Amino acid sequence: MKNQNRILLIDFTDFQNYPIGGYLTFAKNMMESFNNDLALVGITTSVNDPVGRWFKKVINGIEYDFFAMAKYYKMRTRNILPDRFVNLLLTKYYKRKILRIGITNIFVQRQESLIAIAETGKNICYSFPGVENPLVIAKYSYASQFADWFERHFFKKIEYVNTILVRGDDDSIKNIIIRSNGVLNNKKIIKFPTRINTKLFRPMDKMAVRNQLQLTSGTVIMVTTGRLAWVKGWKFMIDSYEKFTRKVRESLFIIVGDGEDFLRIKSYISEKKLTDKIALTGRKSREEIALYLNASDVYLMGSFKEGWPTALMEAVACGIPACVTEFSSADDIILDGINGYIIRERNEDQFVTGMLRALQLTRPVKNDHVTKYSTENLKNDILRYWKLI
């Protein structure tokens, strides 16, 4: 295959189902849009895949050029070393072998990946998944000690980037421009909201979906989806839901997803004696996630920080009212009193009030401001701003 106009997509995922989260979702959206015009650099969870060299790998029926930097085993606990640190070291270590494929265009969405490959003279598009310093909100507490150094180093490297996309709202973009100390400005940054698969995430008949999932018709169902990590606010949502059950007894809270806090959440649910009121589904396919969303009455999100959350976009695309905490882009997605409520303070009682009010909204709620960001347009939208070589 000729390498002209092809794209090297570098991301620390297996491009299939690990690790769960927004990085993987966006990478999969890229794959659906560009197919094997992409060459993939990441990790593998297959015992049969080689490490440290290019090979052919079939994913969802499409053959890709694939370079695995490491072999990972799917875990519900933290790895010994932070993924960001390992990703930085491995991308630097394998950089020459990776670039031997001869592709000039490189797409990255992790800051440490950019640090590793910035000074290669390639045509680079960097997509901010969010604008927070990732080490400030890292799951490893000691990582915050390196946050300032990491960010200074990152801003030095971003000067080598040709196209900069940001999945964040206007206020967060202003914030990162200030933090860059003159490196970034409004002319260099393109606001680029998360894309969603609108063929998959769309309104469905609630009762029909509940029958399919074997969920009772009379139960009030709350749902949340995505990576199970502390920064996603799972404790706040569980504590709020516990108070909600005192007002709405016939209810169920379904937590769809997996992640490093899975076992902590399971233990906390047991500790709170809520095992009959909260269901942990574990990892589910996107098709199954769409069903759980449509089976629910209200979508919950209790995150401390977000960029432009794919999970919330998918819920609104399904026409489900939402109750969320305040974070970057919340005001762009949730229109108070129309398709949900934003709770400005991390107050459980206020969150419960928001849940009750969201229950009163007629579904499907307004979603056209979200569905316009369909993955069907992703390729054209990216190439509108990033000229391939």
Protein backbone atom coordinates (compact mmCIF):
# COMPACT_ATOMS: atom_id res chain seq x y z
CA MET A 1 0.00 0.00 0.00
CA LYS A 2 1.30 3.47 -0.92
CA ASN A 3 2.04 5.60 2.12
CA GLN A 4 1.08 8.94 0.56
CA ASN A 5 -1.82 10.50 2.51
CA ARG A 6 -1.75 7.67 5.05
CA ILE A 7 -1.80 8.43 8.77
CA LEU A 8 0.23 6.98 11.62
CA LEU A 9 -2.13 6.79 14.61
CA ILE A 10 -0.14 6.48 17.83
CA ASP A 11 -2.09 5.69 20.99
CA PHE A 12 -1.49 3.54 24.07
CA THR A 13 -4.45 1.22 23.43
CA ASP A 14 -4.99 -2.10 21.67
CA PHE A 15 -7.49 -0.35 19.33
CA GLN A 16 -10.12 -2.93 20.25
CA ASN A 17 -11.26 -2.86 23.87
CA TYR A 18 -8.39 -2.02 26.23
CA PRO A 19 -8.03 0.16 28.18
CA ILE A 20 -11.60 1.44 28.23
CA GLY A 21 -12.13 5.20 28.00
CA GLY A 22 -12.29 8.24 25.78
CA TYR A 23 -8.88 7.70 24.17
CA LEU A 24 -9.92 4.28 22.91
CA THR A 25 -13.33 5.50 21.75
CA PHE A 26 -11.82 8.31 19.69
CA ALA A 27 -9.20 5.95 18.23
CA LYS A 28 -11.96 3.53 17.17
CA ASN A 29 -13.89 6.40 15.61
CA MET A 30 -10.76 7.27 13.63
CA MET A 31 -10.52 3.66 12.46
CA GLU A 32 -14.14 3.64 11.30
CA SER A 33 -13.56 6.88 9.39
CA PHE A 34 -10.15 6.24 7.81
CA ASN A 35 -10.04 2.39 7.73
CA ASN A 36 -6.63 1.05 6.70
CA ASP A 37 -5.42 4.43 5.56
CA LEU A 38 -4.30 4.31 9.18
CA ALA A 39 -1.25 2.46 10.45
CA LEU A 40 -1.66 1.73 14.16
CA VAL A 41 0.94 2.04 16.91
CA GLY A 42 -0.13 0.95 20.38
CA ILE A 43 -0.16 -2.09 22.64
CA THR A 44 -1.52 -5.61 22.27
CA THR A 45 -3.46 -7.87 24.60
CA SER A 46 -3.07 -10.90 22.33
CA VAL A 47 -0.53 -13.58 23.25
CA ASN A 48 0.05 -14.27 19.55
CA ASP A 49 1.04 -10.76 18.47
CA PRO A 50 4.74 -9.87 18.11
CA VAL A 51 6.19 -6.86 19.92
CA GLY A 52 8.65 -4.30 18.56
CA ARG A 53 8.05 -4.72 14.83
CA TRP A 54 5.47 -4.01 12.14
CA PHE A 55 3.02 -6.77 11.24
CA LYS A 56 -0.44 -7.17 9.70
CA LYS A 57 -3.38 -7.32 12.12
CA VAL A 58 -7.07 -7.74 11.30
CA ILE A 59 -9.45 -5.69 13.46
CA ASN A 60 -13.20 -5.81 12.75
CA GLY A 61 -12.55 -7.35 9.34
CA ILE A 62 -10.01 -4.73 8.19
CA GLU A 63 -6.29 -5.44 7.84
CA TYR A 64 -4.02 -2.80 9.37
CA ASP A 65 -0.30 -2.24 9.57
CA PHE A 66 0.23 -2.63 13.32
CA PHE A 67 3.15 -1.97 15.67
CA ALA A 68 2.80 -3.22 19.25
CA MET A 69 5.13 -1.47 21.70
CA ALA A 70 4.19 -3.79 24.57
CA LYS A 71 2.02 -6.71 25.56
CA TYR A 72 -0.51 -5.93 28.28
CA TYR A 73 -2.88 -8.08 30.26
CA LYS A 74 -6.36 -6.74 30.90
CA MET A 75 -6.56 -5.69 34.54
CA ARG A 76 -9.06 -4.18 36.94
CA THR A 77 -6.24 -2.85 39.09
CA ARG A 78 -3.45 -0.37 38.52
CA ASN A 79 -0.25 -1.39 36.80
CA ILE A 80 2.98 -0.98 38.78
CA LEU A 81 4.17 1.87 36.56
CA PRO A 82 1.89 4.63 35.24
CA ASP A 83 0.81 4.05 31.64
CA ARG A 84 1.88 7.57 30.66
CA PHE A 85 5.43 6.95 31.84
CA VAL A 86 5.62 3.58 30.07
CA ASN A 87 4.12 5.07 26.89
CA LEU A 88 6.68 7.88 26.85
CA LEU A 89 9.62 5.51 27.29
CA LEU A 90 8.41 2.95 24.75
CA THR A 91 7.51 5.50 22.07
CA LYS A 92 10.97 7.05 22.42
CA TYR A 93 12.64 3.63 22.42
CA TYR A 94 10.82 2.36 19.30
CA LYS A 95 10.62 5.68 17.47
CA ARG A 96 13.07 4.79 14.71
CA LYS A 97 11.45 1.40 14.06
CA ILE A 98 8.01 2.98 14.04
CA LEU A 99 9.00 5.64 11.51
CA ARG A 100 10.55 3.09 9.13
CA ILE A 101 7.09 2.51 7.68
CA GLY A 102 7.61 5.78 5.82
CA ILE A 103 4.39 7.58 6.73
CA THR A 104 4.72 11.35 7.04
CA ASN A 105 1.38 12.17 8.74
CA ILE A 106 1.12 11.44 12.47
CA PHE A 107 -2.00 11.77 14.66
CA VAL A 108 -1.66 11.68 18.46
CA GLN A 109 -3.97 12.50 21.37
CA ARG A 110 -1.74 11.84 24.38
CA GLN A 111 0.70 14.45 25.63
CA GLU A 112 3.47 11.96 26.37
CA SER A 113 3.17 10.53 22.84
CA LEU A 114 3.67 14.01 21.42
CA ILE A 115 6.70 14.63 23.64
CA ALA A 116 8.26 11.45 22.26
CA ILE A 117 7.72 12.13 18.54
CA ALA A 118 7.44 15.91 18.18
CA GLU A 119 10.93 16.57 16.80
CA THR A 120 10.73 14.16 13.87
CA GLY A 121 10.00 16.67 11.12
CA LYS A 122 6.67 14.95 10.41
CA ASN A 123 3.25 16.45 9.66
CA ILE A 124 1.68 16.13 13.12
CA CYS A 125 -1.91 16.66 14.22
CA TYR A 126 -2.35 16.74 18.00
CA SER A 127 -5.85 16.41 19.45
CA PHE A 128 -6.31 17.49 23.07
CA PRO A 129 -8.77 14.99 24.65
CA GLY A 130 -9.17 17.53 27.45
CA VAL A 131 -7.18 20.55 28.52
CA GLU A 132 -6.31 19.62 32.10
CA ASN A 133 -2.74 18.72 33.00
CA PRO A 134 -3.09 14.90 33.11
CA LEU A 135 -0.63 14.55 35.99
CA VAL A 136 -2.68 16.85 38.22
CA ILE A 137 -5.61 14.42 38.03
CA ALA A 138 -3.52 11.22 37.70
CA LYS A 139 -4.48 8.06 39.58
CA TYR A 140 -0.92 7.86 40.97
CA SER A 141 -0.67 10.49 43.74
CA TYR A 142 3.08 11.02 43.33
CA ALA A 143 2.61 11.97 39.66
CA SER A 144 1.38 15.43 40.67
CA GLN A 145 4.92 16.26 41.83
CA PHE A 146 6.02 16.18 38.18
CA ALA A 147 2.98 18.04 36.80
CA ASP A 148 4.64 21.45 36.29
CA TRP A 149 7.75 19.95 34.69
CA PHE A 150 5.63 17.76 32.41
CA GLU A 151 3.50 20.65 31.22
CA ARG A 152 6.48 22.94 30.53
CA HIS A 153 8.11 20.17 28.51
CA PHE A 154 4.87 19.51 26.62
CA PHE A 155 4.41 23.15 25.61
CA LYS A 156 7.96 23.22 24.24
CA LYS A 157 7.14 20.22 22.05
CA ILE A 158 3.74 21.42 20.84
CA GLU A 159 5.49 24.17 18.86
CA TYR A 160 6.47 21.43 16.38
CA VAL A 161 2.82 20.49 15.72
CA ASN A 162 1.15 21.45 12.44
CA THR A 163 -2.50 21.21 13.52
CA ILE A 164 -3.92 21.46 17.06
CA LEU A 165 -7.46 20.27 17.83
CA VAL A 166 -9.06 20.75 21.25
CA ARG A 167 -11.98 18.74 22.64
CA GLY A 168 -12.99 21.37 25.18
CA ASP A 169 -15.20 24.41 25.69
CA ASP A 170 -14.25 28.06 25.19
CA ASP A 171 -13.31 28.65 28.83
CA SER A 172 -10.99 25.64 28.95
CA ILE A 173 -9.34 26.76 25.70
CA LYS A 174 -8.71 30.20 27.22
CA ASN A 175 -7.23 28.49 30.26
CA ILE A 176 -4.76 26.40 28.29
CA ILE A 177 -3.69 29.43 26.24
CA ILE A 178 -2.84 31.22 29.49
CA ARG A 179 -0.96 28.19 30.85
CA SER A 180 1.10 27.93 27.66
CA ASN A 181 2.77 31.31 28.36
CA GLY A 182 2.49 32.56 24.81
CA VAL A 183 3.09 29.28 22.95
CA LEU A 184 -0.58 28.87 22.03
CA ASN A 185 -3.18 31.37 20.86
CA ASN A 186 -6.66 31.33 19.33
CA LYS A 187 -5.25 31.21 15.79
CA LYS A 188 -3.31 28.01 16.52
CA ILE A 189 -6.14 26.15 18.24
CA ILE A 190 -9.22 24.60 16.62
CA LYS A 191 -12.21 23.76 18.81
CA PHE A 192 -13.08 20.19 17.89
CA PRO A 193 -15.83 18.46 19.93
CA THR A 194 -15.92 14.71 20.41
CA ARG A 195 -17.64 12.70 17.67
CA ILE A 196 -20.23 9.99 18.25
CA ASN A 197 -21.73 7.17 16.20
CA THR A 198 -25.27 8.45 15.65
CA LYS A 199 -26.35 5.28 13.84
CA LEU A 200 -25.67 3.36 17.04
CA PHE A 201 -26.48 5.94 19.69
CA ARG A 202 -30.04 7.01 18.89
CA PRO A 203 -33.41 6.96 20.65
CA MET A 204 -35.02 3.51 20.95
CA ASP A 205 -38.21 2.23 22.54
CA LYS A 206 -37.47 2.06 26.28
CA MET A 207 -39.79 -0.83 27.11
CA ALA A 208 -38.62 -2.93 24.18
CA VAL A 209 -35.00 -2.45 25.22
CA ARG A 210 -35.81 -3.28 28.84
CA ASN A 211 -37.41 -6.53 27.74
CA GLN A 212 -34.29 -7.32 25.75
CA LEU A 213 -32.08 -6.68 28.79
CA GLN A 214 -34.53 -8.41 31.16
CA LEU A 215 -35.09 -5.26 33.21
CA THR A 216 -38.45 -4.64 34.88
CA SER A 217 -40.73 -2.05 33.32
CA GLY A 218 -41.80 -0.29 36.54
CA THR A 219 -38.34 0.39 37.97
CA VAL A 220 -36.79 3.85 37.77
CA ILE A 221 -33.35 3.25 36.27
CA MET A 222 -30.31 5.49 36.58
CA VAL A 223 -27.27 4.67 34.47
CA THR A 224 -23.68 5.83 34.08
CA THR A 225 -21.15 4.57 31.55
CA GLY A 226 -17.42 4.72 30.92
CA ARG A 227 -14.08 4.15 32.61
CA LEU A 228 -14.29 3.36 36.31
CA ALA A 229 -11.78 5.70 37.90
CA TRP A 230 -11.78 8.02 40.90
CA VAL A 231 -11.75 11.16 38.73
CA LYS A 232 -15.11 10.07 37.28
CA GLY A 233 -16.76 10.68 40.67
CA TRP A 234 -18.19 7.23 41.29
CA LYS A 235 -18.31 7.67 45.10
CA PHE A 236 -20.25 10.92 44.75
CA MET A 237 -22.76 9.26 42.42
CA ILE A 238 -23.22 6.23 44.70
CA ASP A 239 -23.64 8.39 47.82
CA SER A 240 -26.12 10.60 45.98
CA TYR A 241 -28.04 7.60 44.67
CA GLU A 242 -28.26 6.16 48.20
CA LYS A 243 -30.14 9.33 49.21
CA PHE A 244 -32.23 9.11 46.04
CA THR A 245 -33.48 5.63 47.06
CA ARG A 246 -35.09 7.16 50.16
CA LYS A 247 -37.33 9.18 47.83
CA VAL A 248 -37.74 6.64 45.00
CA ARG A 249 -37.61 3.15 46.48
CA GLU A 250 -38.38 1.20 43.30
CA SER A 251 -35.15 2.14 41.54
CA LEU A 252 -31.90 0.72 40.19
CA PHE A 253 -28.53 2.31 39.45
CA ILE A 254 -26.62 0.54 36.66
CA ILE A 255 -22.89 1.25 36.35
CA VAL A 256 -21.72 0.17 32.90
CA GLY A 257 -17.99 -0.09 32.30
CA ASP A 258 -14.68 -1.29 33.65
CA GLY A 259 -11.46 0.19 34.92
CA GLU A 260 -8.90 0.30 37.70
CA ASP A 261 -11.52 1.09 40.37
CA PHE A 262 -13.89 -1.76 39.52
CA LEU A 263 -13.08 -3.78 42.65
CA ARG A 264 -13.08 -0.67 44.87
CA ILE A 265 -16.55 0.21 43.61
CA LYS A 266 -17.79 -3.34 44.13
CA SER A 267 -16.46 -3.29 47.69
CA TYR A 268 -17.98 0.13 48.38
CA ILE A 269 -21.40 -0.97 47.12
CA SER A 270 -21.23 -3.97 49.47
CA GLU A 271 -20.08 -1.77 52.36
CA LYS A 272 -23.06 0.54 51.80
CA LYS A 273 -25.41 -2.49 51.64
CA LEU A 274 -26.61 -1.46 48.18
CA THR A 275 -25.94 -4.68 46.28
CA ASP A 276 -29.66 -5.07 45.53
CA LYS A 277 -29.91 -1.47 44.28
CA ILE A 278 -26.73 -1.00 42.24
CA ALA A 279 -25.63 -3.26 39.37
CA LEU A 280 -22.06 -3.38 38.07
CA THR A 281 -22.14 -4.78 34.54
CA GLY A 282 -18.42 -4.77 33.75
CA ARG A 283 -17.14 -4.16 30.24
CA LYS A 284 -19.81 -3.97 27.53
CA SER A 285 -19.73 -3.48 23.76
CA ARG A 286 -20.84 -0.17 22.29
CA GLU A 287 -23.98 -1.90 21.00
CA GLU A 288 -24.81 -3.06 24.54
CA ILE A 289 -24.04 0.40 25.97
CA ALA A 290 -26.57 1.92 23.57
CA LEU A 291 -29.18 -0.52 24.92
CA TYR A 292 -28.46 0.30 28.57
CA LEU A 293 -28.70 4.01 27.82
CA ASN A 294 -32.08 3.60 26.14
CA ALA A 295 -33.33 1.39 28.98
CA SER A 296 -32.61 4.11 31.54
CA ASP A 297 -34.65 7.04 32.79
CA VAL A 298 -31.77 9.37 33.69
CA TYR A 299 -28.07 9.40 32.86
CA LEU A 300 -25.65 10.35 35.67
CA MET A 301 -22.15 11.80 35.45
CA GLY A 302 -20.27 12.90 38.57
CA SER A 303 -16.84 13.67 37.12
CA PHE A 304 -14.36 16.06 38.71
CA LYS A 305 -12.78 16.80 35.32
CA GLU A 306 -13.73 16.11 31.70
CA GLY A 307 -12.75 17.31 28.25
CA TRP A 308 -15.69 16.82 25.92
CA PRO A 309 -17.09 13.56 27.35
CA THR A 310 -18.04 10.98 24.76
CA ALA A 311 -20.15 9.03 27.26
CA LEU A 312 -22.39 12.03 27.96
CA MET A 313 -22.64 12.84 24.25
CA GLU A 314 -23.80 9.27 23.59
CA ALA A 315 -26.44 9.47 26.32
CA VAL A 316 -27.88 12.75 25.02
CA ALA A 317 -27.80 11.38 21.45
CA CYS A 318 -30.07 8.59 22.73
CA GLY A 319 -32.48 11.24 23.99
CA ILE A 320 -31.87 10.44 27.68
CA PRO A 321 -32.15 13.29 30.21
CA ALA A 322 -29.00 13.73 32.30
CA CYS A 323 -27.93 14.97 35.71
CA VAL A 324 -24.25 15.91 35.79
CA THR A 325 -21.69 17.79 37.84
CA GLU A 326 -19.99 20.89 36.47
CA PHE A 327 -16.97 20.35 34.20
CA SER A 328 -15.52 21.61 30.93
CA SER A 329 -18.11 21.46 28.11
CA ALA A 330 -21.02 20.56 30.41
CA ASP A 331 -22.80 23.77 29.39
CA ASP A 332 -22.26 22.95 25.70
CA ILE A 333 -23.93 19.54 26.05
CA ILE A 334 -26.51 19.97 28.82
CA LEU A 335 -29.12 22.69 28.44
CA ASP A 336 -30.54 23.19 31.93
CA GLY A 337 -34.20 22.23 32.12
CA ILE A 338 -34.30 21.11 28.50
CA ASN A 339 -32.21 17.93 28.28
CA GLY A 340 -30.94 17.70 31.85
CA TYR A 341 -29.45 19.57 34.77
CA ILE A 342 -25.95 20.68 35.75
CA ILE A 343 -25.26 20.67 39.49
CA ARG A 344 -22.75 23.44 40.13
CA GLU A 345 -21.68 22.29 43.60
CA ARG A 346 -20.59 18.81 44.63
CA ASN A 347 -23.52 18.53 46.99
CA GLU A 348 -25.33 15.19 47.22
CA ASP A 349 -28.70 16.69 48.16
CA GLN A 350 -28.56 19.08 45.21
CA PHE A 351 -27.59 16.20 42.94
CA VAL A 352 -30.59 14.19 44.14
CA THR A 353 -32.83 17.16 43.38
CA GLY A 354 -31.33 17.28 39.89
CA MET A 355 -32.02 13.56 39.42
CA LEU A 356 -35.65 14.01 40.44
CA ARG A 357 -36.10 17.01 38.15
CA ALA A 358 -34.46 15.16 35.24
CA LEU A 359 -37.03 12.38 35.70
CA GLN A 360 -39.75 14.89 34.81
CA LEU A 361 -38.27 15.79 31.42
CA THR A 362 -40.03 14.36 28.37
CA ARG A 363 -37.91 12.01 26.30
CA PRO A 364 -36.40 11.96 23.83
CA VAL A 365 -34.80 15.18 25.01
CA LYS A 366 -33.30 17.76 22.66
CA ASN A 367 -30.19 16.26 21.04
CA ASP A 368 -29.62 17.90 17.65
CA HIS A 369 -26.81 20.08 19.05
CA VAL A 370 -25.01 16.80 19.85
CA THR A 371 -25.92 14.59 16.90
CA LYS A 372 -24.42 17.08 14.45
CA TYR A 373 -21.04 15.84 15.72
CA SER A 374 -21.43 12.46 14.04
CA THR A 375 -18.54 10.13 13.24
CA GLU A 376 -19.89 10.12 9.69
CA ASN A 377 -18.33 13.58 9.33
CA LEU A 378 -15.13 12.90 11.30
CA LYS A 379 -12.82 12.30 8.35
CA ASN A 380 -13.91 15.38 6.43
CA ASP A 381 -13.85 17.50 9.59
CA ILE A 382 -10.26 16.52 10.40
CA LEU A 383 -9.03 16.94 6.82
CA ARG A 384 -10.65 20.37 6.66
CA TYR A 385 -8.02 21.55 9.14
CA TRP A 386 -5.13 19.12 8.61
CA LYS A 387 -3.61 18.86 5.15
CA LEU A 388 -2.07 15.43 4.56
CA ILE A 389 1.24 14.95 2.79
